[in-house]
Amino acid sequence: MQRALWKRQLFENYQAAYAVVTEYISFYNQHRIHGSLYHLTPEQFIRAIANHEGNPLFVKP
């Protein structure tokens, strides 16, 4: 998790913190471009593999 998120924001309660963290995890796992996935989002990478447009056995280090 990015430290900037925690440094900039104080949460009123657990639910508020949970909502922000859940949103960030969703962004990171579904929408953020990953260099190790050939600069695709995870969703794009999974779609490319399903369409046989990529190599699922080689993820860049």
PDB file of N, CA and C in Angstrom:
ATOM      1  N   MET A   1       0.847  -1.170   0.000  1.00  0.00           N
ATOM      2  CA  MET A   1       0.000   0.000   0.000  1.00  0.00           C
ATOM      3  C   MET A   1       0.892   1.232   0.000  1.00  0.00           C
ATOM      4  N   GLN A   2       0.480   2.214  -0.712  1.00  0.00           N
ATOM      5  CA  GLN A   2       1.306   3.404  -0.797  1.00  0.00           C
ATOM      6  C   GLN A   2       1.287   4.181   0.507  1.00  0.00           C
ATOM      7  N   ARG A   3       2.470   4.556   0.962  1.00  0.00           N
ATOM      8  CA  ARG A   3       2.571   5.315   2.215  1.00  0.00           C
ATOM      9  C   ARG A   3       1.869   6.649   2.123  1.00  0.00           C
ATOM     10  N   ALA A   4       1.866   7.250   0.930  1.00  0.00           N
ATOM     11  CA  ALA A   4       1.229   8.557   0.778  1.00  0.00           C
ATOM     12  C   ALA A   4      -0.242   8.505   1.164  1.00  0.00           C
ATOM     13  N   LEU A   5      -0.888   7.397   0.893  1.00  0.00           N
ATOM     14  CA  LEU A   5      -2.299   7.253   1.252  1.00  0.00           C
ATOM     15  C   LEU A   5      -2.485   7.418   2.750  1.00  0.00           C
ATOM     16  N   TRP A   6      -1.627   6.798   3.520  1.00  0.00           N
ATOM     17  CA  TRP A   6      -1.758   6.844   4.977  1.00  0.00           C
ATOM     18  C   TRP A   6      -1.321   8.187   5.544  1.00  0.00           C
ATOM     19  N   LYS A   7      -0.352   8.813   4.934  1.00  0.00           N
ATOM     20  CA  LYS A   7       0.146  10.077   5.457  1.00  0.00           C
ATOM     21  C   LYS A   7      -0.836  11.222   5.221  1.00  0.00           C
ATOM     22  N   ARG A   8      -1.607  11.146   4.166  1.00  0.00           N
ATOM     23  CA  ARG A   8      -2.485  12.245   3.796  1.00  0.00           C
ATOM     24  C   ARG A   8      -3.867  12.159   4.415  1.00  0.00           C
ATOM     25  N   GLN A   9      -4.221  11.028   4.960  1.00  0.00           N
ATOM     26  CA  GLN A   9      -5.610  10.839   5.324  1.00  0.00           C
ATOM     27  C   GLN A   9      -5.767  10.261   6.726  1.00  0.00           C
ATOM     28  N   LEU A  10      -6.597  10.903   7.511  1.00  0.00           N
ATOM     29  CA  LEU A  10      -7.008  10.364   8.796  1.00  0.00           C
ATOM     30  C   LEU A  10      -8.435   9.852   8.616  1.00  0.00           C
ATOM     31  N   PHE A  11      -8.709   8.719   9.169  1.00  0.00           N
ATOM     32  CA  PHE A  11     -10.013   8.112   8.980  1.00  0.00           C
ATOM     33  C   PHE A  11     -10.872   8.304  10.221  1.00  0.00           C
ATOM     34  N   GLU A  12     -12.146   8.566  10.004  1.00  0.00           N
ATOM     35  CA  GLU A  12     -13.071   8.765  11.111  1.00  0.00           C
ATOM     36  C   GLU A  12     -13.345   7.464  11.859  1.00  0.00           C
ATOM     37  N   ASN A  13     -13.368   6.367  11.113  1.00  0.00           N
ATOM     38  CA  ASN A  13     -13.695   5.081  11.721  1.00  0.00           C
ATOM     39  C   ASN A  13     -13.190   3.945  10.826  1.00  0.00           C
ATOM     40  N   TYR A  14     -13.394   2.739  11.290  1.00  0.00           N
ATOM     41  CA  TYR A  14     -12.943   1.558  10.564  1.00  0.00           C
ATOM     42  C   TYR A  14     -13.597   1.463   9.187  1.00  0.00           C
ATOM     43  N   GLN A  15     -14.880   1.753   9.111  1.00  0.00           N
ATOM     44  CA  GLN A  15     -15.594   1.648   7.840  1.00  0.00           C
ATOM     45  C   GLN A  15     -15.024   2.590   6.786  1.00  0.00           C
ATOM     46  N   ALA A  16     -14.669   3.786   7.193  1.00  0.00           N
ATOM     47  CA  ALA A  16     -14.084   4.752   6.252  1.00  0.00           C
ATOM     48  C   ALA A  16     -12.732   4.265   5.755  1.00  0.00           C
ATOM     49  N   ALA A  17     -11.910   3.747   6.654  1.00  0.00           N
ATOM     50  CA  ALA A  17     -10.607   3.210   6.259  1.00  0.00           C
ATOM     51  C   ALA A  17     -10.778   2.011   5.341  1.00  0.00           C
ATOM     52  N   TYR A  18     -11.702   1.134   5.683  1.00  0.00           N
ATOM     53  CA  TYR A  18     -11.964  -0.067   4.883  1.00  0.00           C
ATOM     54  C   TYR A  18     -12.384   0.309   3.463  1.00  0.00           C
ATOM     55  N   ALA A  19     -13.237   1.311   3.329  1.00  0.00           N
ATOM     56  CA  ALA A  19     -13.697   1.741   2.007  1.00  0.00           C
ATOM     57  C   ALA A  19     -12.536   2.249   1.159  1.00  0.00           C
ATOM     58  N   VAL A  20     -11.653   3.049   1.747  1.00  0.00           N
ATOM     59  CA  VAL A  20     -10.514   3.597   1.001  1.00  0.00           C
ATOM     60  C   VAL A  20      -9.549   2.481   0.601  1.00  0.00           C
ATOM     61  N   VAL A  21      -9.261   1.585   1.518  1.00  0.00           N
ATOM     62  CA  VAL A  21      -8.333   0.490   1.225  1.00  0.00           C
ATOM     63  C   VAL A  21      -8.922  -0.435   0.162  1.00  0.00           C
ATOM     64  N   THR A  22     -10.195  -0.748   0.263  1.00  0.00           N
ATOM     65  CA  THR A  22     -10.852  -1.603  -0.719  1.00  0.00           C
ATOM     66  C   THR A  22     -10.813  -0.971  -2.109  1.00  0.00           C
ATOM     67  N   GLU A  23     -11.050   0.326  -2.166  1.00  0.00           N
ATOM     68  CA  GLU A  23     -10.999   1.036  -3.448  1.00  0.00           C
ATOM     69  C   GLU A  23      -9.588   0.982  -4.045  1.00  0.00           C
ATOM     70  N   TYR A  24      -8.566   1.180  -3.197  1.00  0.00           N
ATOM     71  CA  TYR A  24      -7.190   1.148  -3.686  1.00  0.00           C
ATOM     72  C   TYR A  24      -6.813  -0.253  -4.171  1.00  0.00           C
ATOM     73  N   ILE A  25      -7.207  -1.272  -3.446  1.00  0.00           N
ATOM     74  CA  ILE A  25      -6.904  -2.646  -3.857  1.00  0.00           C
ATOM     75  C   ILE A  25      -7.563  -2.951  -5.195  1.00  0.00           C
ATOM     76  N   SER A  26      -8.793  -2.513  -5.371  1.00  0.00           N
ATOM     77  CA  SER A  26      -9.485  -2.710  -6.647  1.00  0.00           C
ATOM     78  C   SER A  26      -8.733  -2.013  -7.778  1.00  0.00           C
ATOM     79  N   PHE A  27      -8.332  -0.757  -7.547  1.00  0.00           N
ATOM     80  CA  PHE A  27      -7.557  -0.024  -8.547  1.00  0.00           C
ATOM     81  C   PHE A  27      -6.260  -0.760  -8.868  1.00  0.00           C
ATOM     82  N   TYR A  28      -5.537  -1.173  -7.841  1.00  0.00           N
ATOM     83  CA  TYR A  28      -4.238  -1.814  -8.035  1.00  0.00           C
ATOM     84  C   TYR A  28      -4.379  -3.126  -8.806  1.00  0.00           C
ATOM     85  N   ASN A  29      -5.375  -3.913  -8.465  1.00  0.00           N
ATOM     86  CA  ASN A  29      -5.517  -5.233  -9.074  1.00  0.00           C
ATOM     87  C   ASN A  29      -6.237  -5.222 -10.421  1.00  0.00           C
ATOM     88  N   GLN A  30      -7.027  -4.200 -10.702  1.00  0.00           N
ATOM     89  CA  GLN A  30      -7.821  -4.236 -11.918  1.00  0.00           C
ATOM     90  C   GLN A  30      -7.484  -3.148 -12.928  1.00  0.00           C
ATOM     91  N   HIS A  31      -7.012  -2.002 -12.472  1.00  0.00           N
ATOM     92  CA  HIS A  31      -6.865  -0.875 -13.385  1.00  0.00           C
ATOM     93  C   HIS A  31      -5.448  -0.332 -13.521  1.00  0.00           C
ATOM     94  N   ARG A  32      -4.582  -0.617 -12.569  1.00  0.00           N
ATOM     95  CA  ARG A  32      -3.221  -0.085 -12.605  1.00  0.00           C
ATOM     96  C   ARG A  32      -2.396  -0.857 -13.626  1.00  0.00           C
ATOM     97  N   ILE A  33      -1.641  -0.143 -14.428  1.00  0.00           N
ATOM     98  CA  ILE A  33      -0.759  -0.775 -15.412  1.00  0.00           C
ATOM     99  C   ILE A  33       0.418  -1.403 -14.683  1.00  0.00           C
ATOM    100  N   HIS A  34       0.717  -2.661 -14.996  1.00  0.00           N
ATOM    101  CA  HIS A  34       1.812  -3.389 -14.366  1.00  0.00           C
ATOM    102  C   HIS A  34       2.912  -3.649 -15.390  1.00  0.00           C
ATOM    103  N   GLY A  35       4.113  -3.219 -15.084  1.00  0.00           N
ATOM    104  CA  GLY A  35       5.237  -3.444 -15.988  1.00  0.00           C
ATOM    105  C   GLY A  35       5.511  -4.914 -16.215  1.00  0.00           C
ATOM    106  N   SER A  36       5.295  -5.727 -15.193  1.00  0.00           N
ATOM    107  CA  SER A  36       5.559  -7.159 -15.331  1.00  0.00           C
ATOM    108  C   SER A  36       4.516  -7.857 -16.194  1.00  0.00           C
ATOM    109  N   LEU A  37       3.434  -7.172 -16.495  1.00  0.00           N
ATOM    110  CA  LEU A  37       2.395  -7.730 -17.371  1.00  0.00           C
ATOM    111  C   LEU A  37       2.404  -7.024 -18.721  1.00  0.00           C
ATOM    112  N   TYR A  38       3.604  -6.671 -19.166  1.00  0.00           N
ATOM    113  CA  TYR A  38       3.794  -6.018 -20.469  1.00  0.00           C
ATOM    114  C   TYR A  38       3.046  -4.686 -20.545  1.00  0.00           C
ATOM    115  N   HIS A  39       3.030  -3.965 -19.457  1.00  0.00           N
ATOM    116  CA  HIS A  39       2.388  -2.649 -19.367  1.00  0.00           C
ATOM    117  C   HIS A  39       0.906  -2.711 -19.694  1.00  0.00           C
ATOM    118  N   LEU A  40       0.271  -3.774 -19.240  1.00  0.00           N
ATOM    119  CA  LEU A  40      -1.179  -3.924 -19.338  1.00  0.00           C
ATOM    120  C   LEU A  40      -1.755  -3.918 -17.929  1.00  0.00           C
ATOM    121  N   THR A  41      -3.042  -3.642 -17.843  1.00  0.00           N
ATOM    122  CA  THR A  41      -3.710  -3.833 -16.571  1.00  0.00           C
ATOM    123  C   THR A  41      -3.919  -5.332 -16.391  1.00  0.00           C
ATOM    124  N   PRO A  42      -4.114  -5.803 -15.175  1.00  0.00           N
ATOM    125  CA  PRO A  42      -4.382  -7.231 -14.994  1.00  0.00           C
ATOM    126  C   PRO A  42      -5.588  -7.706 -15.806  1.00  0.00           C
ATOM    127  N   GLU A  43      -6.634  -6.891 -15.882  1.00  0.00           N
ATOM    128  CA  GLU A  43      -7.801  -7.278 -16.686  1.00  0.00           C
ATOM    129  C   GLU A  43      -7.433  -7.439 -18.157  1.00  0.00           C
ATOM    130  N   GLN A  44      -6.640  -6.495 -18.693  1.00  0.00           N
ATOM    131  CA  GLN A  44      -6.215  -6.585 -20.093  1.00  0.00           C
ATOM    132  C   GLN A  44      -5.331  -7.805 -20.319  1.00  0.00           C
ATOM    133  N   PHE A  45      -4.453  -8.091 -19.355  1.00  0.00           N
ATOM    134  CA  PHE A  45      -3.559  -9.235 -19.478  1.00  0.00           C
ATOM    135  C   PHE A  45      -4.354 -10.536 -19.492  1.00  0.00           C
ATOM    136  N   ILE A  46      -5.312 -10.671 -18.592  1.00  0.00           N
ATOM    137  CA  ILE A  46      -6.144 -11.881 -18.542  1.00  0.00           C
ATOM    138  C   ILE A  46      -6.922 -12.041 -19.841  1.00  0.00           C
ATOM    139  N   ARG A  47      -7.460 -10.954 -20.362  1.00  0.00           N
ATOM    140  CA  ARG A  47      -8.192 -10.999 -21.629  1.00  0.00           C
ATOM    141  C   ARG A  47      -7.271 -11.413 -22.775  1.00  0.00           C
ATOM    142  N   ALA A  48      -6.044 -10.881 -22.790  1.00  0.00           N
ATOM    143  CA  ALA A  48      -5.089 -11.236 -23.843  1.00  0.00           C
ATOM    144  C   ALA A  48      -4.747 -12.719 -23.781  1.00  0.00           C
ATOM    145  N   ILE A  49      -4.564 -13.246 -22.585  1.00  0.00           N
ATOM    146  CA  ILE A  49      -4.257 -14.669 -22.429  1.00  0.00           C
ATOM    147  C   ILE A  49      -5.442 -15.502 -22.898  1.00  0.00           C
ATOM    148  N   ALA A  50      -6.648 -15.100 -22.518  1.00  0.00           N
ATOM    149  CA  ALA A  50      -7.853 -15.842 -22.918  1.00  0.00           C
ATOM    150  C   ALA A  50      -8.016 -15.860 -24.434  1.00  0.00           C
ATOM    151  N   ASN A  51      -7.559 -14.804 -25.096  1.00  0.00           N
ATOM    152  CA  ASN A  51      -7.652 -14.709 -26.562  1.00  0.00           C
ATOM    153  C   ASN A  51      -6.391 -15.211 -27.251  1.00  0.00           C
ATOM    154  N   HIS A  52      -5.516 -15.861 -26.486  1.00  0.00           N
ATOM    155  CA  HIS A  52      -4.256 -16.416 -27.001  1.00  0.00           C
ATOM    156  C   HIS A  52      -3.389 -15.348 -27.652  1.00  0.00           C
ATOM    157  N   GLU A  53      -3.358 -14.170 -27.042  1.00  0.00           N
ATOM    158  CA  GLU A  53      -2.567 -13.055 -27.553  1.00  0.00           C
ATOM    159  C   GLU A  53      -1.340 -12.777 -26.698  1.00  0.00           C
ATOM    160  N   GLY A  54      -1.054 -13.637 -25.752  1.00  0.00           N
ATOM    161  CA  GLY A  54       0.082 -13.409 -24.882  1.00  0.00           C
ATOM    162  C   GLY A  54       0.628 -14.741 -24.373  1.00  0.00           C
ATOM    163  N   ASN A  55       1.689 -14.654 -23.596  1.00  0.00           N
ATOM    164  CA  ASN A  55       2.321 -15.847 -23.069  1.00  0.00           C
ATOM    165  C   ASN A  55       2.085 -15.926 -21.560  1.00  0.00           C
ATOM    166  N   PRO A  56       1.164 -16.797 -21.123  1.00  0.00           N
ATOM    167  CA  PRO A  56       0.855 -16.849 -19.698  1.00  0.00           C
ATOM    168  C   PRO A  56       1.955 -17.425 -18.835  1.00  0.00           C
ATOM    169  N   LEU A  57       2.914 -18.082 -19.446  1.00  0.00           N
ATOM    170  CA  LEU A  57       3.970 -18.722 -18.675  1.00  0.00           C
ATOM    171  C   LEU A  57       5.150 -17.805 -18.414  1.00  0.00           C
ATOM    172  N   PHE A  58       5.150 -16.641 -19.027  1.00  0.00           N
ATOM    173  CA  PHE A  58       6.273 -15.727 -18.847  1.00  0.00           C
ATOM    174  C   PHE A  58       5.751 -14.362 -18.418  1.00  0.00           C
ATOM    175  N   VAL A  59       5.957 -14.070 -17.167  1.00  0.00           N
ATOM    176  CA  VAL A  59       5.655 -12.738 -16.647  1.00  0.00           C
ATOM    177  C   VAL A  59       6.993 -12.078 -16.369  1.00  0.00           C
ATOM    178  N   LYS A  60       7.175 -10.899 -16.917  1.00  0.00           N
ATOM    179  CA  LYS A  60       8.455 -10.217 -16.792  1.00  0.00           C
ATOM    180  C   LYS A  60       8.793  -9.972 -15.333  1.00  0.00           C
ATOM    181  N   PRO A  61      10.068 -10.164 -14.938  1.00  0.00           N
ATOM    182  CA  PRO A  61      10.481  -9.911 -13.548  1.00  0.00           C
ATOM    183  C   PRO A  61      10.535  -8.428 -13.241  1.00  0.00           C
TER     184      PRO A  61
END
